[in-house]
Amino acid sequence: MPPRPGAAAIAELIGRPRDILYTAPGPPCVGLEKLEVIRAAAMLAGAVFAALAAPALGEDEFPLVGTYTENHVCKGNGSDAGVSRVKITVRDIDSVFGLCTILSKKREGDTFAVHVECKGPGGSQMVGDVNFTLREDKAIDFSDQDQTYKAVLYKCPE
């Protein structure tokens, strides 16, 4: 094989190459333990990125999404205009108490424990836990972490 341009100059400096073993480019050889650590770190990084990219519970897994009336069956025809409303999305709960951002959700059977940060009137902020329990009649029992406030939420027609 004829030398490439410039190779002659290098050969003059270092001499003629002999017994050089060329390998395909790739990661350097490491011990099995290091390879396992690298593989585990890559899997962990992938899991973290996947968790950050997706909400904790999807809308199908968080069936509370919707608009509700508090302590009165929602008729949805405008006749319940004076009744307190609660709007729940995957990320927020909006009610007469203020706008609450859902920080985390955990489901155990028909009960959802939801950790929220709420911004009340006047800009006051508080962090707390609320529970929603699905009932057989499609209503939802609501209570705060200390059981000081309880309500029944009735879903409004779409």
N, C-alpha and C. Protein backbone atom coordinates (compact mmCIF):
# COMPACT_ATOMS: atom_id res chain seq x y z
N MET A 1 0.85 -1.16 0.00
CA MET A 1 0.00 0.00 0.00
C MET A 1 0.89 1.23 0.00
N PRO A 2 0.69 2.13 -0.93
CA PRO A 2 1.55 3.32 -1.00
C PRO A 2 1.25 4.25 0.17
N PRO A 3 2.27 4.92 0.69
CA PRO A 3 2.04 5.83 1.81
C PRO A 3 1.20 7.03 1.39
N ARG A 4 0.44 7.52 2.30
CA ARG A 4 -0.38 8.71 2.06
C ARG A 4 0.53 9.93 2.06
N PRO A 5 0.08 11.01 1.44
CA PRO A 5 0.87 12.24 1.47
C PRO A 5 1.13 12.66 2.91
N GLY A 6 2.30 13.01 3.22
CA GLY A 6 2.66 13.41 4.57
C GLY A 6 3.18 12.26 5.40
N ALA A 7 2.85 11.05 5.02
CA ALA A 7 3.28 9.88 5.76
C ALA A 7 4.79 9.70 5.65
N ALA A 8 5.35 10.07 4.51
CA ALA A 8 6.80 9.92 4.32
C ALA A 8 7.55 10.79 5.32
N ALA A 9 7.06 12.00 5.55
CA ALA A 9 7.72 12.89 6.51
C ALA A 9 7.69 12.31 7.91
N ILE A 10 6.54 11.72 8.27
CA ILE A 10 6.40 11.12 9.59
C ILE A 10 7.32 9.91 9.70
N ALA A 11 7.36 9.09 8.63
CA ALA A 11 8.21 7.89 8.64
C ALA A 11 9.67 8.26 8.81
N GLU A 12 10.10 9.39 8.24
CA GLU A 12 11.49 9.82 8.39
C GLU A 12 11.79 10.19 9.84
N LEU A 13 10.79 10.77 10.55
CA LEU A 13 11.02 11.17 11.93
C LEU A 13 11.02 9.99 12.89
N ILE A 14 10.05 9.09 12.73
CA ILE A 14 9.91 8.00 13.70
C ILE A 14 10.35 6.65 13.17
N GLY A 15 10.66 6.56 11.93
CA GLY A 15 11.04 5.27 11.34
C GLY A 15 9.85 4.58 10.75
N ARG A 16 10.12 3.45 10.13
CA ARG A 16 9.09 2.69 9.45
C ARG A 16 8.20 1.98 10.47
N PRO A 17 6.83 2.13 10.36
CA PRO A 17 5.94 1.47 11.31
C PRO A 17 5.98 -0.05 11.14
N ARG A 18 6.15 -0.75 12.22
CA ARG A 18 6.16 -2.21 12.21
C ARG A 18 5.27 -2.74 13.32
N ASP A 19 4.64 -3.83 13.06
CA ASP A 19 3.85 -4.54 14.06
C ASP A 19 2.88 -3.64 14.82
N ILE A 20 2.24 -2.74 14.12
CA ILE A 20 1.24 -1.89 14.74
C ILE A 20 -0.11 -2.58 14.61
N LEU A 21 -0.81 -2.71 15.71
CA LEU A 21 -2.12 -3.34 15.72
C LEU A 21 -3.18 -2.23 15.71
N TYR A 22 -3.96 -2.22 14.65
CA TYR A 22 -5.02 -1.23 14.54
C TYR A 22 -6.33 -1.87 14.98
N THR A 23 -7.13 -1.12 15.75
CA THR A 23 -8.43 -1.62 16.19
C THR A 23 -9.51 -0.65 15.71
N ALA A 24 -10.72 -1.16 15.67
CA ALA A 24 -11.84 -0.32 15.27
C ALA A 24 -12.09 0.73 16.35
N PRO A 25 -12.51 1.93 15.93
CA PRO A 25 -12.79 2.95 16.94
C PRO A 25 -13.92 2.51 17.84
N GLY A 26 -13.86 2.88 19.08
CA GLY A 26 -14.90 2.52 20.04
C GLY A 26 -14.42 2.86 21.43
N PRO A 27 -15.20 2.49 22.43
CA PRO A 27 -14.80 2.82 23.80
C PRO A 27 -13.58 1.99 24.20
N PRO A 28 -12.77 2.56 25.04
CA PRO A 28 -11.62 1.80 25.49
C PRO A 28 -12.06 0.61 26.33
N CYS A 29 -11.24 -0.39 26.37
CA CYS A 29 -11.56 -1.57 27.15
C CYS A 29 -11.51 -1.21 28.62
N VAL A 30 -12.54 -1.55 29.34
CA VAL A 30 -12.58 -1.31 30.78
C VAL A 30 -13.01 -2.60 31.44
N GLY A 31 -12.80 -2.65 32.73
CA GLY A 31 -13.19 -3.84 33.47
C GLY A 31 -14.70 -4.00 33.47
N LEU A 32 -15.14 -5.21 33.72
CA LEU A 32 -16.57 -5.52 33.71
C LEU A 32 -17.32 -4.68 34.74
N GLU A 33 -16.70 -4.44 35.91
CA GLU A 33 -17.37 -3.64 36.94
C GLU A 33 -17.63 -2.21 36.45
N LYS A 34 -16.64 -1.60 35.83
CA LYS A 34 -16.81 -0.24 35.32
C LYS A 34 -17.88 -0.19 34.24
N LEU A 35 -17.91 -1.20 33.39
CA LEU A 35 -18.91 -1.25 32.32
C LEU A 35 -20.31 -1.35 32.91
N GLU A 36 -20.46 -2.14 33.97
CA GLU A 36 -21.76 -2.26 34.62
C GLU A 36 -22.19 -0.94 35.25
N VAL A 37 -21.25 -0.22 35.87
CA VAL A 37 -21.56 1.08 36.46
C VAL A 37 -21.98 2.07 35.39
N ILE A 38 -21.26 2.08 34.27
CA ILE A 38 -21.59 2.99 33.17
C ILE A 38 -22.98 2.66 32.62
N ARG A 39 -23.26 1.39 32.44
CA ARG A 39 -24.57 0.96 31.92
C ARG A 39 -25.68 1.34 32.90
N ALA A 40 -25.47 1.13 34.20
CA ALA A 40 -26.48 1.48 35.20
C ALA A 40 -26.71 2.99 35.24
N ALA A 41 -25.63 3.76 35.14
CA ALA A 41 -25.76 5.22 35.14
C ALA A 41 -26.55 5.70 33.93
N ALA A 42 -26.30 5.09 32.78
CA ALA A 42 -27.03 5.48 31.57
C ALA A 42 -28.51 5.14 31.71
N MET A 43 -28.83 3.99 32.29
CA MET A 43 -30.24 3.61 32.48
C MET A 43 -30.92 4.55 33.48
N LEU A 44 -30.20 4.91 34.55
CA LEU A 44 -30.76 5.82 35.54
C LEU A 44 -31.01 7.19 34.94
N ALA A 45 -30.08 7.68 34.14
CA ALA A 45 -30.25 8.98 33.49
C ALA A 45 -31.47 8.94 32.56
N GLY A 46 -31.63 7.86 31.82
CA GLY A 46 -32.79 7.73 30.94
C GLY A 46 -34.09 7.72 31.72
N ALA A 47 -34.11 7.03 32.86
CA ALA A 47 -35.32 6.99 33.68
C ALA A 47 -35.65 8.36 34.25
N VAL A 48 -34.62 9.10 34.68
CA VAL A 48 -34.85 10.45 35.23
C VAL A 48 -35.41 11.37 34.16
N PHE A 49 -34.83 11.34 32.96
CA PHE A 49 -35.33 12.19 31.88
C PHE A 49 -36.76 11.81 31.50
N ALA A 50 -37.07 10.52 31.49
CA ALA A 50 -38.43 10.09 31.17
C ALA A 50 -39.41 10.56 32.24
N ALA A 51 -39.00 10.49 33.50
CA ALA A 51 -39.88 10.92 34.59
C ALA A 51 -40.12 12.42 34.54
N LEU A 52 -39.10 13.19 34.20
CA LEU A 52 -39.26 14.63 34.12
C LEU A 52 -40.11 15.05 32.92
N ALA A 53 -40.09 14.26 31.88
CA ALA A 53 -40.82 14.61 30.66
C ALA A 53 -42.30 14.31 30.77
N ALA A 54 -42.69 13.40 31.64
CA ALA A 54 -44.09 12.98 31.74
C ALA A 54 -44.66 13.37 33.09
N PRO A 55 -45.93 13.72 33.16
CA PRO A 55 -46.53 14.01 34.46
C PRO A 55 -46.59 12.75 35.31
N ALA A 56 -46.71 12.95 36.62
CA ALA A 56 -46.72 11.81 37.53
C ALA A 56 -47.87 10.87 37.21
N LEU A 57 -49.03 11.39 36.97
CA LEU A 57 -50.18 10.59 36.57
C LEU A 57 -50.79 11.26 35.35
N GLY A 58 -51.08 10.49 34.35
CA GLY A 58 -51.72 11.03 33.16
C GLY A 58 -53.19 11.29 33.43
N GLU A 59 -53.87 11.92 32.48
CA GLU A 59 -55.29 12.23 32.65
C GLU A 59 -56.11 10.96 32.85
N ASP A 60 -55.73 9.87 32.18
CA ASP A 60 -56.45 8.61 32.36
C ASP A 60 -56.24 8.05 33.76
N GLU A 61 -55.07 8.30 34.34
CA GLU A 61 -54.76 7.81 35.67
C GLU A 61 -55.18 8.79 36.76
N PHE A 62 -55.62 9.98 36.37
CA PHE A 62 -56.08 11.01 37.31
C PHE A 62 -57.49 11.42 36.89
N PRO A 63 -58.47 10.57 37.18
CA PRO A 63 -59.83 10.80 36.67
C PRO A 63 -60.56 11.95 37.34
N LEU A 64 -59.89 12.73 38.14
CA LEU A 64 -60.53 13.86 38.80
C LEU A 64 -60.63 15.09 37.90
N VAL A 65 -59.97 15.07 36.75
CA VAL A 65 -59.97 16.22 35.86
C VAL A 65 -61.39 16.57 35.45
N GLY A 66 -61.75 17.84 35.64
CA GLY A 66 -63.09 18.30 35.28
C GLY A 66 -63.51 19.50 36.11
N THR A 67 -64.74 19.94 35.90
CA THR A 67 -65.32 21.05 36.66
C THR A 67 -66.41 20.48 37.56
N TYR A 68 -66.41 20.94 38.81
CA TYR A 68 -67.32 20.41 39.83
C TYR A 68 -68.03 21.54 40.55
N THR A 69 -69.20 21.22 41.13
CA THR A 69 -69.84 22.11 42.08
C THR A 69 -69.63 21.50 43.46
N GLU A 70 -69.64 22.39 44.45
CA GLU A 70 -69.34 21.96 45.80
C GLU A 70 -70.62 21.81 46.62
N ASN A 71 -70.85 20.61 47.10
CA ASN A 71 -71.96 20.27 47.99
C ASN A 71 -73.35 20.39 47.35
N HIS A 72 -73.43 20.59 46.04
CA HIS A 72 -74.70 20.62 45.30
C HIS A 72 -74.50 19.90 43.98
N VAL A 73 -75.47 19.11 43.58
CA VAL A 73 -75.37 18.41 42.30
C VAL A 73 -75.32 19.45 41.19
N CYS A 74 -74.39 19.28 40.27
CA CYS A 74 -74.22 20.23 39.16
C CYS A 74 -75.24 19.91 38.07
N LYS A 75 -76.05 20.90 37.74
CA LYS A 75 -77.04 20.71 36.68
C LYS A 75 -76.47 21.08 35.33
N GLY A 76 -75.54 22.03 35.31
CA GLY A 76 -74.90 22.40 34.05
C GLY A 76 -75.75 23.23 33.12
N ASN A 77 -76.92 23.66 33.60
CA ASN A 77 -77.80 24.45 32.73
C ASN A 77 -77.81 25.93 33.12
N GLY A 78 -76.88 26.32 33.97
CA GLY A 78 -76.81 27.71 34.40
C GLY A 78 -77.61 28.01 35.65
N SER A 79 -78.45 27.08 36.10
CA SER A 79 -79.27 27.33 37.28
C SER A 79 -78.47 27.23 38.57
N ASP A 80 -77.25 26.71 38.51
CA ASP A 80 -76.44 26.60 39.72
C ASP A 80 -75.30 27.64 39.72
N ALA A 81 -75.62 28.84 39.25
CA ALA A 81 -74.62 29.90 39.11
C ALA A 81 -74.07 30.36 40.46
N GLY A 82 -74.86 30.31 41.52
CA GLY A 82 -74.40 30.78 42.83
C GLY A 82 -73.63 29.74 43.63
N VAL A 83 -73.46 28.57 43.08
CA VAL A 83 -72.79 27.48 43.80
C VAL A 83 -71.29 27.54 43.54
N SER A 84 -70.52 27.30 44.58
CA SER A 84 -69.05 27.29 44.43
C SER A 84 -68.63 26.23 43.43
N ARG A 85 -67.70 26.62 42.57
CA ARG A 85 -67.17 25.69 41.56
C ARG A 85 -65.71 25.38 41.84
N VAL A 86 -65.31 24.18 41.46
CA VAL A 86 -63.94 23.73 41.57
C VAL A 86 -63.53 23.17 40.22
N LYS A 87 -62.43 23.67 39.68
CA LYS A 87 -61.93 23.15 38.41
C LYS A 87 -60.61 22.44 38.68
N ILE A 88 -60.53 21.17 38.27
CA ILE A 88 -59.34 20.36 38.48
C ILE A 88 -58.74 20.00 37.13
N THR A 89 -57.46 20.30 36.97
CA THR A 89 -56.71 19.85 35.79
C THR A 89 -55.61 18.92 36.29
N VAL A 90 -54.81 18.41 35.39
CA VAL A 90 -53.71 17.53 35.78
C VAL A 90 -52.69 18.30 36.63
N ARG A 91 -52.61 19.63 36.44
CA ARG A 91 -51.59 20.43 37.12
C ARG A 91 -52.12 21.37 38.21
N ASP A 92 -53.42 21.74 38.16
CA ASP A 92 -53.94 22.77 39.07
C ASP A 92 -55.31 22.41 39.62
N ILE A 93 -55.64 23.06 40.75
CA ILE A 93 -56.98 23.02 41.32
C ILE A 93 -57.37 24.47 41.56
N ASP A 94 -58.44 24.92 40.94
CA ASP A 94 -58.89 26.30 41.06
C ASP A 94 -60.24 26.30 41.77
N SER A 95 -60.31 26.99 42.91
CA SER A 95 -61.55 27.04 43.69
C SER A 95 -61.67 28.41 44.34
N VAL A 96 -62.71 28.59 45.16
CA VAL A 96 -62.89 29.86 45.86
C VAL A 96 -61.77 30.12 46.85
N PHE A 97 -61.04 29.09 47.24
CA PHE A 97 -59.92 29.25 48.17
C PHE A 97 -58.67 29.78 47.47
N GLY A 98 -58.63 29.73 46.15
CA GLY A 98 -57.48 30.20 45.39
C GLY A 98 -57.02 29.16 44.39
N LEU A 99 -55.92 29.47 43.73
CA LEU A 99 -55.35 28.57 42.74
C LEU A 99 -54.26 27.74 43.40
N CYS A 100 -54.39 26.43 43.30
CA CYS A 100 -53.41 25.51 43.89
C CYS A 100 -52.70 24.77 42.78
N THR A 101 -51.38 24.74 42.87
CA THR A 101 -50.57 23.97 41.94
C THR A 101 -50.35 22.59 42.53
N ILE A 102 -50.60 21.56 41.74
CA ILE A 102 -50.39 20.19 42.20
C ILE A 102 -48.90 19.88 42.12
N LEU A 103 -48.31 19.60 43.27
CA LEU A 103 -46.89 19.27 43.33
C LEU A 103 -46.65 17.78 43.17
N SER A 104 -47.55 16.96 43.72
CA SER A 104 -47.44 15.51 43.55
C SER A 104 -48.79 14.87 43.80
N LYS A 105 -48.97 13.67 43.26
CA LYS A 105 -50.21 12.91 43.40
C LYS A 105 -49.85 11.46 43.70
N LYS A 106 -50.62 10.87 44.57
CA LYS A 106 -50.41 9.45 44.88
C LYS A 106 -51.77 8.79 45.00
N ARG A 107 -51.95 7.70 44.28
CA ARG A 107 -53.24 7.01 44.30
C ARG A 107 -53.13 5.72 45.09
N GLU A 108 -54.11 5.53 45.97
CA GLU A 108 -54.25 4.27 46.69
C GLU A 108 -55.71 3.86 46.57
N GLY A 109 -56.01 2.95 45.66
CA GLY A 109 -57.38 2.54 45.41
C GLY A 109 -58.18 3.69 44.83
N ASP A 110 -59.27 4.06 45.51
CA ASP A 110 -60.12 5.15 45.05
C ASP A 110 -59.75 6.49 45.66
N THR A 111 -58.68 6.54 46.44
CA THR A 111 -58.28 7.78 47.11
C THR A 111 -57.01 8.34 46.49
N PHE A 112 -57.04 9.65 46.25
CA PHE A 112 -55.89 10.36 45.73
C PHE A 112 -55.39 11.30 46.82
N ALA A 113 -54.14 11.13 47.23
CA ALA A 113 -53.49 12.07 48.15
C ALA A 113 -52.73 13.04 47.26
N VAL A 114 -53.07 14.33 47.37
CA VAL A 114 -52.51 15.34 46.48
C VAL A 114 -51.79 16.39 47.33
N HIS A 115 -50.51 16.62 47.03
CA HIS A 115 -49.70 17.63 47.71
C HIS A 115 -49.77 18.90 46.86
N VAL A 116 -50.22 20.01 47.46
CA VAL A 116 -50.48 21.23 46.70
C VAL A 116 -49.78 22.44 47.32
N GLU A 117 -49.53 23.43 46.46
CA GLU A 117 -49.09 24.75 46.90
C GLU A 117 -50.16 25.72 46.43
N CYS A 118 -50.75 26.44 47.38
CA CYS A 118 -51.89 27.30 47.05
C CYS A 118 -51.55 28.77 47.24
N LYS A 119 -52.09 29.57 46.33
CA LYS A 119 -51.97 31.03 46.42
C LYS A 119 -53.36 31.56 46.71
N GLY A 120 -53.52 32.06 47.90
CA GLY A 120 -54.82 32.54 48.33
C GLY A 120 -54.99 34.02 48.07
N PRO A 121 -56.11 34.57 48.53
CA PRO A 121 -56.37 36.00 48.37
C PRO A 121 -55.28 36.81 49.06
N GLY A 122 -54.89 37.90 48.44
CA GLY A 122 -53.85 38.75 49.01
C GLY A 122 -52.44 38.23 48.79
N GLY A 123 -52.30 37.18 48.00
CA GLY A 123 -50.97 36.65 47.69
C GLY A 123 -50.40 35.70 48.71
N SER A 124 -51.18 35.34 49.73
CA SER A 124 -50.67 34.41 50.73
C SER A 124 -50.44 33.04 50.09
N GLN A 125 -49.40 32.35 50.53
CA GLN A 125 -49.08 31.04 49.99
C GLN A 125 -49.03 30.02 51.12
N MET A 126 -49.48 28.81 50.81
CA MET A 126 -49.35 27.73 51.78
C MET A 126 -49.21 26.40 51.03
N VAL A 127 -48.57 25.48 51.68
CA VAL A 127 -48.37 24.14 51.13
C VAL A 127 -49.12 23.17 52.02
N GLY A 128 -49.80 22.21 51.42
CA GLY A 128 -50.54 21.25 52.22
C GLY A 128 -50.94 20.04 51.41
N ASP A 129 -51.68 19.17 52.07
CA ASP A 129 -52.14 17.94 51.45
C ASP A 129 -53.66 17.90 51.49
N VAL A 130 -54.26 17.42 50.41
CA VAL A 130 -55.70 17.22 50.34
C VAL A 130 -55.96 15.82 49.82
N ASN A 131 -57.12 15.30 50.16
CA ASN A 131 -57.51 13.97 49.71
C ASN A 131 -58.80 14.03 48.92
N PHE A 132 -58.83 13.28 47.83
CA PHE A 132 -60.03 13.11 47.02
C PHE A 132 -60.35 11.63 47.00
N THR A 133 -61.58 11.27 47.32
CA THR A 133 -61.98 9.87 47.29
C THR A 133 -63.15 9.72 46.33
N LEU A 134 -62.97 8.88 45.32
CA LEU A 134 -64.03 8.62 44.34
C LEU A 134 -65.13 7.80 45.00
N ARG A 135 -66.37 8.20 44.77
CA ARG A 135 -67.51 7.46 45.29
C ARG A 135 -68.19 6.69 44.17
N GLU A 136 -68.99 5.71 44.54
CA GLU A 136 -69.69 4.91 43.53
C GLU A 136 -70.68 5.73 42.72
N ASP A 137 -71.24 6.78 43.31
CA ASP A 137 -72.21 7.62 42.60
C ASP A 137 -71.53 8.69 41.74
N LYS A 138 -70.22 8.56 41.52
CA LYS A 138 -69.40 9.45 40.68
C LYS A 138 -69.07 10.78 41.35
N ALA A 139 -69.56 11.01 42.55
CA ALA A 139 -69.18 12.21 43.30
C ALA A 139 -67.81 11.95 43.94
N ILE A 140 -67.22 13.01 44.47
CA ILE A 140 -65.90 12.90 45.08
C ILE A 140 -65.95 13.50 46.48
N ASP A 141 -65.50 12.75 47.47
CA ASP A 141 -65.36 13.28 48.81
C ASP A 141 -64.02 14.00 48.90
N PHE A 142 -64.05 15.24 49.38
CA PHE A 142 -62.85 16.05 49.50
C PHE A 142 -62.60 16.35 50.97
N SER A 143 -61.33 16.32 51.39
CA SER A 143 -60.97 16.75 52.74
C SER A 143 -59.54 17.26 52.73
N ASP A 144 -59.26 18.18 53.66
CA ASP A 144 -57.89 18.65 53.78
C ASP A 144 -57.13 17.72 54.71
N GLN A 145 -55.83 17.98 54.87
CA GLN A 145 -54.98 17.05 55.61
C GLN A 145 -55.38 16.91 57.07
N ASP A 146 -55.96 17.94 57.66
CA ASP A 146 -56.33 17.90 59.07
C ASP A 146 -57.81 17.55 59.28
N GLN A 147 -58.52 17.27 58.18
CA GLN A 147 -59.95 16.96 58.24
C GLN A 147 -60.76 18.13 58.82
N THR A 148 -60.25 19.36 58.67
CA THR A 148 -60.99 20.52 59.17
C THR A 148 -62.01 21.03 58.16
N TYR A 149 -61.81 20.69 56.90
CA TYR A 149 -62.78 21.08 55.87
C TYR A 149 -63.10 19.86 55.02
N LYS A 150 -64.38 19.60 54.87
CA LYS A 150 -64.83 18.49 54.03
C LYS A 150 -65.91 18.99 53.09
N ALA A 151 -65.95 18.40 51.91
CA ALA A 151 -66.97 18.76 50.93
C ALA A 151 -67.21 17.58 50.02
N VAL A 152 -68.33 17.62 49.31
CA VAL A 152 -68.62 16.64 48.27
C VAL A 152 -68.62 17.40 46.95
N LEU A 153 -67.86 16.91 46.00
CA LEU A 153 -67.76 17.54 44.68
C LEU A 153 -68.57 16.74 43.68
N TYR A 154 -69.42 17.45 42.92
CA TYR A 154 -70.26 16.82 41.90
C TYR A 154 -69.80 17.30 40.54
N LYS A 155 -69.47 16.37 39.67
CA LYS A 155 -68.94 16.72 38.35
C LYS A 155 -70.02 17.32 37.46
N CYS A 156 -69.65 18.40 36.79
CA CYS A 156 -70.58 19.06 35.87
C CYS A 156 -70.48 18.40 34.48
N PRO A 157 -71.59 18.37 33.76
CA PRO A 157 -71.54 17.83 32.41
C PRO A 157 -70.60 18.66 31.55
N GLU A 158 -69.95 18.00 30.63
CA GLU A 158 -68.97 18.69 29.74
C GLU A 158 -69.65 19.69 28.86
